[in-house]
């Protein structure tokens, strides 16, 4: 029995790392053991494998929201991006692949749910390890569903692994499910002792992001503040230190949670291949507007000397995003550019969420505190409070674009604020703010179980 058990654990660890969609079904019945027979040591190995799977999942679709948010143009070798808002863009790189995004999300969810089920069935739920495992699994499930809800809206809710067709649930129910998972995660996860692992603060940070997306401003501010009050985290104040967030095995005090990206995944997750390669060909470059104007001084508000500029763009080559180092084009040194961290949350996001959620009257102080770490000259609270509500929102969105350029935030920010006029190429095609349900999934499940999102071919409104 011991040898069989070791064999099954080896199989599970392997498939957790590779992300095979039929990872459990491929195990022969004669080798199967009850899930309840797995020890804490076994489950810890599976949990480590899940980190590798999640790391790869997050990285694979890293660029989509910057592409659709009009932050990029085609890089040298990437082909022209003629319609960034469209779900089927006419350029060669298939970063925005609706079918693979959907399938990858649910394949990864299948693995997450294995650990959720293991935790929920455990008799020792109060042990430190089981709480960490359960909290991490709930966090990852919330993260996957956040990506699904923010892009597709209505999706099926899977509390357990299942081979059955589960009908799509309304978007509001999906957001409630995300909140439910985050509450469980917050209750179970320990306080931060390493930003390479999910923690109480990481769960609160994601809860703040989820609340902001739903315009639940008091909740967003409270969750963000729960992270901000931990003195372990602090903002840096120079271009060099800002750049160090993306150094291999970074020790930056700004990182709340990141994947270390040190060969846990089945293949290297190399950011530079897409935006700053060592050869003369890569996929994406800063749009002309972003390169020339994103970090410009703002005399009307006395925002001057943005430290992020020299850490993000190259003065020698306008087609590079040096935020992601390549060993030559970069600001801060790195021991291995192939091990650039996959950052999920930085402290700056919590400052900007809190400032936005509190509004200009109560949030100006938080925004100024943040700006003092990003500019040589900053506006006063009084100047910020004198802005109209829309201008204050525009200021926040601009700060977020500067701060999170090439980090997958721009399209989501425009969608959640409904500032669609900021997308120059959308041209009234508002249905593009939701991804279409993949037709292959509809063909399999039927239109009653999987109705197409409005505006796309096959949607019921078109009948």
Protein backbone atom coordinates (compact mmCIF):
# COMPACT_ATOMS: atom_id res chain seq x y z
CA UNK A 1 0.00 0.00 0.00
CA UNK A 2 2.84 2.40 0.81
CA UNK A 3 4.37 2.01 -2.65
CA UNK A 4 0.98 2.54 -4.32
CA UNK A 5 0.46 5.67 -2.24
CA UNK A 6 3.84 7.08 -3.21
CA UNK A 7 3.03 6.39 -6.85
CA UNK A 8 -0.29 8.22 -6.68
CA UNK A 9 1.33 11.22 -4.96
CA UNK A 10 4.00 11.35 -7.66
CA UNK A 11 1.33 11.32 -10.35
CA UNK A 12 -0.66 14.06 -8.64
CA UNK A 13 2.36 16.30 -8.18
CA UNK A 14 3.31 15.85 -11.82
CA UNK A 15 -0.11 16.77 -13.15
CA UNK A 16 -0.47 19.67 -10.71
CA UNK A 17 2.68 21.11 -12.23
CA UNK A 18 1.75 20.49 -15.85
CA UNK A 19 -1.92 21.46 -15.73
CA UNK A 20 -3.36 18.45 -17.58
CA UNK A 21 -7.14 18.84 -17.84
CA UNK A 22 -7.71 15.12 -17.29
CA UNK A 23 -5.19 14.88 -14.48
CA UNK A 24 -7.38 12.82 -12.16
CA UNK A 25 -9.25 10.78 -14.75
CA UNK A 26 -5.98 9.38 -16.12
CA UNK A 27 -5.17 7.60 -12.86
CA UNK A 28 -6.02 3.91 -13.21
CA UNK A 29 -8.66 2.68 -10.70
CA UNK A 30 -6.32 -0.01 -9.42
CA UNK A 31 -3.90 2.72 -8.30
CA UNK A 32 -6.52 5.00 -6.77
CA UNK A 33 -6.63 5.68 -3.04
CA UNK A 34 -9.25 7.59 -1.08
CA UNK A 35 -8.64 11.33 -1.00
CA UNK A 36 -9.01 11.14 2.77
CA UNK A 37 -5.95 8.86 2.96
CA UNK A 38 -3.60 11.67 1.92
CA UNK A 39 -1.45 12.90 4.79
CA UNK A 40 -0.54 16.50 5.54
CA UNK A 41 2.85 15.81 4.00
CA UNK A 42 1.19 14.54 0.82
CA UNK A 43 -1.11 17.55 0.65
CA UNK A 44 1.76 19.95 1.21
CA UNK A 45 3.48 18.58 -1.89
CA UNK A 46 0.26 19.03 -3.83
CA UNK A 47 -0.10 22.57 -2.51
CA UNK A 48 3.40 23.41 -3.72
CA UNK A 49 2.51 21.94 -7.10
CA UNK A 50 -0.58 24.13 -7.20
CA UNK A 51 1.56 27.24 -6.73
CA UNK A 52 3.44 26.25 -9.88
CA UNK A 53 0.19 25.71 -11.77
CA UNK A 54 -1.24 29.06 -10.67
CA UNK A 55 2.01 30.83 -11.51
CA UNK A 56 1.84 29.53 -15.07
CA UNK A 57 -1.89 30.27 -15.38
CA UNK A 58 -1.46 33.89 -14.30
CA UNK A 59 1.51 34.47 -16.58
CA UNK A 60 -0.09 32.97 -19.70
CA UNK A 61 -2.73 35.73 -19.89
CA UNK A 62 -0.63 38.50 -18.39
CA UNK A 63 -0.70 40.88 -21.37
CA UNK A 64 -4.34 40.75 -22.44
CA UNK A 65 -5.68 43.69 -20.42
CA UNK A 66 -2.81 45.96 -21.44
CA UNK A 67 -3.39 45.04 -25.08
CA UNK A 68 -7.10 45.75 -24.88
CA UNK A 69 -6.45 48.79 -22.72
CA UNK A 70 -4.46 50.34 -25.59
CA UNK A 71 -1.17 50.40 -23.70
CA UNK A 72 0.69 48.50 -26.42
CA UNK A 73 1.44 48.57 -30.09
CA UNK A 74 3.06 45.73 -32.01
CA UNK A 75 6.69 45.23 -31.07
CA UNK A 76 9.55 44.51 -33.49
CA UNK A 77 8.53 41.07 -34.69
CA UNK A 78 5.05 41.02 -33.16
CA UNK A 79 2.96 42.35 -36.01
CA UNK A 80 0.61 45.33 -36.06
CA UNK A 81 -2.21 45.59 -33.52
CA UNK A 82 -5.00 47.06 -35.61
CA UNK A 83 -7.98 46.61 -33.28
CA UNK A 84 -6.89 46.06 -29.67
CA UNK A 85 -10.43 46.08 -28.26
CA UNK A 86 -11.57 43.18 -30.45
CA UNK A 87 -11.55 39.64 -29.06
CA UNK A 88 -10.10 38.27 -32.31
CA UNK A 89 -7.32 40.75 -33.10
CA UNK A 90 -5.61 40.60 -36.46
CA UNK A 91 -2.07 40.04 -35.27
CA UNK A 92 -0.03 36.90 -35.01
CA UNK A 93 0.42 36.44 -31.27
CA UNK A 94 -2.57 34.70 -29.74
CA UNK A 95 -2.35 36.16 -26.25
CA UNK A 96 -6.07 36.96 -26.31
CA UNK A 97 -7.42 33.51 -27.00
CA UNK A 98 -10.92 33.29 -25.59
CA UNK A 99 -11.16 29.54 -25.80
CA UNK A 100 -7.83 28.81 -24.13
CA UNK A 101 -8.44 31.41 -21.40
CA UNK A 102 -11.77 29.78 -20.53
CA UNK A 103 -10.43 26.23 -20.65
CA UNK A 104 -7.25 27.06 -18.74
CA UNK A 105 -9.27 28.77 -16.01
CA UNK A 106 -11.47 25.74 -15.45
CA UNK A 107 -8.60 23.26 -15.76
CA UNK A 108 -6.73 25.15 -13.06
CA UNK A 109 -9.91 25.43 -11.00
CA UNK A 110 -10.21 21.65 -11.10
CA UNK A 111 -6.88 21.37 -9.34
CA UNK A 112 -7.77 24.08 -6.83
CA UNK A 113 -11.03 22.35 -6.02
CA UNK A 114 -9.17 19.13 -5.21
CA UNK A 115 -7.52 20.94 -2.28
CA UNK A 116 -10.75 22.72 -1.33
CA UNK A 117 -12.47 19.35 -1.12
CA UNK A 118 -9.55 17.91 0.87
CA UNK A 119 -9.78 20.74 3.36
CA UNK A 120 -13.55 20.59 3.71
CA UNK A 121 -13.45 16.83 4.26
CA UNK A 122 -10.58 16.96 6.76
CA UNK A 123 -11.05 16.06 10.41
CA UNK A 124 -8.14 18.26 11.47
CA UNK A 125 -9.29 21.58 10.01
CA UNK A 126 -7.83 23.54 12.92
CA UNK A 127 -4.25 22.43 12.35
CA UNK A 128 -1.93 25.19 11.13
CA UNK A 129 -1.19 23.38 7.88
CA UNK A 130 -4.80 22.58 7.04
CA UNK A 131 -5.82 26.19 7.65
CA UNK A 132 -2.99 27.36 5.39
CA UNK A 133 -3.94 24.88 2.68
CA UNK A 134 -7.64 25.66 2.88
CA UNK A 135 -7.05 29.40 2.96
CA UNK A 136 -4.72 29.23 -0.03
CA UNK A 137 -7.15 27.10 -2.03
CA UNK A 138 -10.04 29.50 -1.32
CA UNK A 139 -7.79 32.44 -2.28
CA UNK A 140 -6.79 30.85 -5.59
CA UNK A 141 -10.41 29.94 -6.33
CA UNK A 142 -11.45 33.54 -5.69
CA UNK A 143 -8.64 34.78 -7.94
CA UNK A 144 -9.63 32.51 -10.83
CA UNK A 145 -13.27 33.53 -10.53
CA UNK A 146 -12.30 37.19 -10.32
CA UNK A 147 -10.62 36.85 -13.69
CA UNK A 148 -13.60 34.99 -15.11
CA UNK A 149 -16.25 37.37 -13.74
CA UNK A 150 -14.39 40.52 -14.78
CA UNK A 151 -14.00 39.26 -18.34
CA UNK A 152 -16.94 36.95 -19.08
CA UNK A 153 -19.51 38.02 -16.49
CA UNK A 154 -21.83 35.00 -16.32
CA UNK A 155 -19.92 31.74 -15.77
CA UNK A 156 -20.62 28.35 -14.18
CA UNK A 157 -19.90 28.10 -10.44
CA UNK A 158 -18.06 24.90 -9.55
CA UNK A 159 -17.75 24.24 -5.84
CA UNK A 160 -16.42 20.75 -6.50
CA UNK A 161 -14.75 18.93 -9.35
CA UNK A 162 -17.33 17.72 -11.80
CA UNK A 163 -17.56 16.18 -15.26
CA UNK A 164 -21.16 17.27 -15.57
CA UNK A 165 -22.32 20.31 -17.48
CA UNK A 166 -22.98 22.99 -14.87
CA UNK A 167 -25.18 25.81 -16.20
CA UNK A 168 -23.86 29.33 -16.22
CA UNK A 169 -24.74 31.45 -13.18
CA UNK A 170 -25.65 35.15 -13.25
CA UNK A 171 -22.71 37.51 -12.81
CA UNK A 172 -24.04 38.79 -9.47
CA UNK A 173 -23.97 35.23 -8.09
CA UNK A 174 -20.41 34.79 -9.31
CA UNK A 175 -19.27 37.91 -7.46
CA UNK A 176 -21.03 36.66 -4.31
CA UNK A 177 -19.18 33.36 -4.68
CA UNK A 178 -15.87 35.23 -4.96
CA UNK A 179 -16.64 37.19 -1.79
CA UNK A 180 -17.59 33.99 0.02
CA UNK A 181 -14.25 32.41 -0.86
CA UNK A 182 -12.30 35.49 0.17
CA UNK A 183 -14.01 35.63 3.56
CA UNK A 184 -13.01 32.01 4.15
CA UNK A 185 -9.49 32.75 2.96
CA UNK A 186 -9.13 35.76 5.27
CA UNK A 187 -10.29 33.68 8.23
CA UNK A 188 -7.86 30.86 7.53
CA UNK A 189 -4.63 32.33 6.17
CA UNK A 190 -1.80 33.39 8.50
CA UNK A 191 -0.27 36.85 8.59
CA UNK A 192 2.42 37.56 6.03
CA UNK A 193 5.83 36.03 6.70
CA UNK A 194 6.90 35.78 3.05
CA UNK A 195 5.46 37.54 0.04
CA UNK A 196 5.96 34.38 -2.01
CA UNK A 197 2.98 32.74 -0.32
CA UNK A 198 -0.70 33.60 0.03
CA UNK A 199 -1.41 35.33 3.33
CA UNK A 200 -4.03 37.17 5.32
CA UNK A 201 -2.87 40.40 3.72
CA UNK A 202 -2.91 38.94 0.21
CA UNK A 203 -6.51 37.81 0.71
CA UNK A 204 -7.53 41.25 2.00
CA UNK A 205 -5.79 42.85 -0.98
CA UNK A 206 -7.74 40.72 -3.43
CA UNK A 207 -10.93 41.43 -1.49
CA UNK A 208 -10.21 45.16 -1.89
CA UNK A 209 -9.79 44.72 -5.64
CA UNK A 210 -13.01 42.71 -5.88
CA UNK A 211 -14.96 45.29 -3.87
CA UNK A 212 -13.59 48.15 -6.00
CA UNK A 213 -14.60 46.37 -9.20
CA UNK A 214 -18.16 46.15 -7.87
CA UNK A 215 -18.16 49.78 -6.70
CA UNK A 216 -18.50 48.68 -3.05
CA UNK A 217 -16.37 51.58 -1.90
CA UNK A 218 -16.61 51.27 1.93
CA UNK A 219 -15.63 47.60 1.72
CA UNK A 220 -12.80 48.38 -0.69
CA UNK A 221 -11.36 51.03 1.64
CA UNK A 222 -11.61 48.76 4.69
CA UNK A 223 -9.93 45.80 3.02
CA UNK A 224 -7.17 48.01 1.62
CA UNK A 225 -6.58 49.58 5.00
CA UNK A 226 -6.17 46.14 6.55
CA UNK A 227 -3.13 45.68 4.34
CA UNK A 228 -1.80 49.21 4.71
CA UNK A 229 -1.68 49.00 8.50
CA UNK A 230 0.87 46.18 8.39
CA UNK A 231 4.26 47.85 8.86
CA UNK A 232 6.02 44.99 7.07
CA UNK A 233 5.03 46.69 3.82
CA UNK A 234 6.17 50.14 2.72
CA UNK A 235 6.45 52.18 -0.47
CA UNK A 236 9.85 52.85 -1.99
CA UNK A 237 10.77 56.34 -3.17
CA UNK A 238 13.29 56.09 -6.01
CA UNK A 239 13.38 54.83 -9.59
CA UNK A 240 15.96 52.24 -8.66
CA UNK A 241 13.99 50.86 -5.73
CA UNK A 242 10.79 50.83 -7.77
CA UNK A 243 12.62 48.79 -10.41
CA UNK A 244 13.75 46.27 -7.78
CA UNK A 245 10.21 44.93 -7.53
CA UNK A 246 11.01 42.94 -10.67
CA UNK A 247 14.46 41.71 -9.73
CA UNK A 248 14.84 37.96 -9.30
CA UNK A 249 13.79 36.84 -5.80
CA UNK A 250 12.97 40.46 -4.97
CA UNK A 251 13.01 41.55 -1.35
CA UNK A 252 11.05 44.73 -2.05
CA UNK A 253 8.87 45.94 0.81
CA UNK A 254 6.19 46.86 -1.74
CA UNK A 255 5.30 43.29 -2.71
CA UNK A 256 2.28 41.88 -0.87
CA UNK A 257 2.07 38.66 -2.87
CA UNK A 258 3.93 37.33 -5.91
CA UNK A 259 4.94 34.06 -7.48
CA UNK A 260 8.70 33.66 -7.22
CA UNK A 261 9.07 32.24 -10.77
CA UNK A 262 12.21 30.25 -10.04
CA UNK A 263 11.61 27.14 -12.14
CA UNK A 264 8.59 25.81 -10.25
CA UNK A 265 6.64 25.96 -13.50
CA UNK A 266 7.17 23.39 -16.24
CA UNK A 267 8.94 25.94 -18.45
CA UNK A 268 10.51 29.37 -17.84
CA UNK A 269 8.03 32.24 -17.56
CA UNK A 270 10.04 34.88 -19.34
CA UNK A 271 8.49 38.34 -19.47
CA UNK A 272 11.23 39.72 -21.69
CA UNK A 273 10.18 37.48 -24.59
CA UNK A 274 7.10 39.67 -24.95
CA UNK A 275 8.29 43.23 -24.21
CA UNK A 276 12.08 43.43 -23.82
CA UNK A 277 13.80 40.49 -25.45
CA UNK A 278 17.54 40.03 -25.67
CA UNK A 279 17.31 39.67 -29.43
CA UNK A 280 15.82 42.14 -31.92
CA UNK A 281 12.32 40.69 -31.95
CA UNK A 282 9.52 40.72 -29.37
CA UNK A 283 5.74 40.95 -29.33
CA UNK A 284 4.68 44.24 -27.76
CA UNK A 285 6.00 47.76 -27.41
CA UNK A 286 4.63 50.79 -25.53
CA UNK A 287 2.06 52.62 -27.63
CA UNK A 288 3.39 55.88 -29.05
CA UNK A 289 1.15 57.86 -26.70
CA UNK A 290 2.29 55.93 -23.64
CA UNK A 291 5.96 56.23 -24.47
CA UNK A 292 5.76 59.96 -25.17
CA UNK A 293 3.18 61.13 -22.63
CA UNK A 294 2.35 58.61 -19.89
CA UNK A 295 4.94 59.89 -17.44
CA UNK A 296 4.90 63.54 -18.50
CA UNK A 297 4.82 66.29 -15.88
CA UNK A 298 1.36 67.62 -15.06
CA UNK A 299 1.78 71.34 -14.46
CA UNK A 300 -1.92 71.87 -13.74
CA UNK A 301 -1.62 69.76 -10.59
CA UNK A 302 2.09 70.20 -9.90
CA UNK A 303 2.76 66.50 -10.47
CA UNK A 304 6.36 66.53 -11.61
CA UNK A 305 9.35 64.21 -11.74
CA UNK A 306 7.67 60.80 -11.94
CA UNK A 307 10.24 58.27 -10.69
CA UNK A 308 8.50 55.41 -12.53
CA UNK A 309 9.47 56.64 -15.99
CA UNK A 310 13.12 55.55 -15.88
CA UNK A 311 12.14 52.22 -14.38
CA UNK A 312 9.52 51.47 -17.04
CA UNK A 313 10.73 52.83 -20.40
CA UNK A 314 14.13 52.95 -22.06
CA UNK A 315 15.50 56.28 -23.20
CA UNK A 316 17.59 54.41 -25.79
CA UNK A 317 14.83 52.26 -27.32
CA UNK A 318 11.20 53.35 -27.38
CA UNK A 319 10.03 49.82 -28.12
CA UNK A 320 11.15 48.31 -24.82
CA UNK A 321 9.41 47.93 -21.46
CA UNK A 322 12.42 47.72 -19.13
CA UNK A 323 10.21 47.21 -16.07
CA UNK A 324 10.84 43.57 -16.95
CA UNK A 325 14.65 43.24 -17.00
CA UNK A 326 16.57 41.30 -19.64
CA UNK A 327 20.08 41.48 -18.22
CA UNK A 328 21.01 44.54 -20.31
CA UNK A 329 18.01 46.84 -20.71
CA UNK A 330 16.85 47.43 -17.14
CA UNK A 331 17.35 49.83 -14.27
CA UNK A 332 17.90 47.64 -11.21
CA UNK A 333 20.29 44.72 -11.57
CA UNK A 334 18.89 41.20 -11.43
CA UNK A 335 20.62 37.89 -10.87
CA UNK A 336 18.43 36.08 -13.42
CA UNK A 337 16.03 37.87 -15.75
CA UNK A 338 14.28 34.56 -16.45
CA UNK A 339 13.16 34.55 -12.81
CA UNK A 340 11.33 37.87 -12.79
CA UNK A 341 8.59 37.65 -10.12
CA UNK A 342 4.98 37.29 -11.23
CA UNK A 343 3.52 39.98 -8.99
CA UNK A 344 -0.13 39.72 -7.97
CA UNK A 345 -0.36 42.61 -5.51
CA UNK A 346 1.87 45.53 -4.58
CA UNK A 347 1.23 47.94 -1.73
CA UNK A 348 0.70 50.82 -4.15
CA UNK A 349 -2.56 49.23 -5.29
CA UNK A 350 -3.89 49.45 -1.74
CA UNK A 351 -3.06 53.16 -1.52
CA UNK A 352 -4.82 53.85 -4.81
CA UNK A 353 -7.83 51.70 -3.95
CA UNK A 354 -8.23 53.45 -0.61
CA UNK A 355 -7.84 56.90 -2.20
CA UNK A 356 -10.42 56.09 -4.87
CA UNK A 357 -12.86 54.43 -2.50
CA UNK A 358 -12.84 57.31 -0.01
CA UNK A 359 -13.44 59.95 -2.69
CA UNK A 360 -11.68 63.26 -3.14
CA UNK A 361 -12.63 64.78 0.23
CA UNK A 362 -11.48 61.91 2.41
CA UNK A 363 -9.10 60.21 0.00
CA UNK A 364 -6.88 63.16 -0.96
CA UNK A 365 -4.58 62.62 2.03
CA UNK A 366 -3.97 58.98 1.07
CA UNK A 367 -3.35 59.95 -2.55
CA UNK A 368 -0.85 62.65 -1.59
CA UNK A 369 0.94 60.23 0.74
CA UNK A 370 1.27 57.83 -2.19
CA UNK A 371 2.38 60.55 -4.63
CA UNK A 372 5.17 61.68 -2.34
CA UNK A 373 6.84 58.34 -3.06
CA UNK A 374 6.38 58.64 -6.82
CA UNK A 375 7.16 62.29 -7.67
CA UNK A 376 9.68 64.95 -6.84
CA UNK A 377 6.85 67.54 -6.69
CA UNK A 378 3.28 66.72 -5.64
CA UNK A 379 0.00 68.64 -5.39
CA UNK A 380 -1.51 69.64 -2.07
CA UNK A 381 -4.56 67.97 -0.59
CA UNK A 382 -6.49 71.20 -1.14
CA UNK A 383 -5.75 71.21 -4.87
CA UNK A 384 -6.90 67.60 -5.19
CA UNK A 385 -10.06 68.24 -3.15
CA UNK A 386 -10.95 71.12 -5.47
CA UNK A 387 -11.26 68.75 -8.45
CA UNK A 388 -14.63 67.64 -9.74
CA UNK A 389 -15.57 64.06 -8.97
CA UNK A 390 -14.92 63.05 -12.57
CA UNK A 391 -11.54 64.80 -12.65
CA UNK A 392 -10.59 63.09 -9.40
CA UNK A 393 -11.50 59.73 -10.92
CA UNK A 394 -9.48 60.62 -14.03
CA UNK A 395 -6.51 61.43 -11.80
CA UNK A 396 -6.80 58.07 -10.05
CA UNK A 397 -7.06 56.24 -13.36
CA UNK A 398 -4.00 58.06 -14.65
CA UNK A 399 -2.04 57.14 -11.53
CA UNK A 400 -3.07 53.54 -11.91
CA UNK A 401 -2.02 53.53 -15.57
CA UNK A 402 1.38 54.91 -14.65
CA UNK A 403 1.83 52.58 -11.71
CA UNK A 404 0.59 49.35 -13.29
CA UNK A 405 1.68 49.77 -16.90
CA UNK A 406 2.18 46.27 -18.37
CA UNK A 407 0.71 44.64 -15.26
CA UNK A 408 -2.75 43.85 -16.59
CA UNK A 409 -4.87 46.56 -14.98
CA UNK A 410 -5.82 49.11 -17.63
CA UNK A 411 -8.75 47.42 -19.39
CA UNK A 412 -10.28 46.35 -16.07
CA UNK A 413 -10.01 49.91 -14.74
CA UNK A 414 -11.83 51.30 -17.76
CA UNK A 415 -14.51 48.63 -17.57
CA UNK A 416 -15.27 48.95 -13.86
CA UNK A 417 -15.49 52.77 -14.01
CA UNK A 418 -17.44 52.70 -17.29
CA UNK A 419 -15.05 55.31 -18.69
CA UNK A 420 -15.34 53.79 -22.13
CA UNK A 421 -14.46 57.07 -23.82
CA UNK A 422 -10.88 56.37 -22.75
CA UNK A 423 -10.69 53.52 -25.27
CA UNK A 424 -10.11 55.25 -28.59
CA UNK A 425 -10.63 52.11 -30.68
CA UNK A 426 -13.80 50.83 -28.99
CA UNK A 427 -15.98 52.91 -31.33
CA UNK A 428 -19.27 52.24 -29.56
CA UNK A 429 -18.85 48.45 -29.50
CA UNK A 430 -19.72 48.24 -25.82
CA UNK A 431 -20.39 44.51 -25.99
CA UNK A 432 -16.62 44.03 -26.27
CA UNK A 433 -16.32 44.87 -22.58
CA UNK A 434 -17.42 41.29 -21.98
CA UNK A 435 -15.65 38.36 -23.60
CA UNK A 436 -17.81 36.01 -25.68
CA UNK A 437 -18.54 32.58 -24.25
CA UNK A 438 -16.44 30.19 -26.40
CA UNK A 439 -18.61 28.67 -29.10
CA UNK A 440 -17.13 25.21 -28.50
CA UNK A 441 -18.45 25.36 -24.93
CA UNK A 442 -21.90 26.45 -26.11
CA UNK A 443 -21.96 23.63 -28.68
CA UNK A 444 -21.19 21.14 -25.93
CA UNK A 445 -23.55 22.48 -23.25
CA UNK A 446 -26.36 23.98 -25.32
CA UNK A 447 -27.63 27.54 -25.48
CA UNK A 448 -29.94 27.13 -22.50
CA UNK A 449 -27.10 26.17 -20.17
CA UNK A 450 -24.51 28.44 -21.81
CA UNK A 451 -26.23 31.46 -23.40
CA UNK A 452 -23.94 33.69 -25.44
CA UNK A 453 -23.14 37.15 -24.10
CA UNK A 454 -25.07 40.02 -25.74
CA UNK A 455 -23.66 41.50 -28.93
CA UNK A 456 -22.02 38.34 -30.23
CA UNK A 457 -23.19 35.94 -32.90
CA UNK A 458 -25.66 33.46 -31.44
CA UNK A 459 -26.82 35.67 -28.57
CA UNK A 460 -30.54 35.32 -27.86
CA UNK A 461 -31.06 39.04 -28.42
CA UNK A 462 -30.09 38.46 -32.05
CA UNK A 463 -32.74 35.79 -32.63
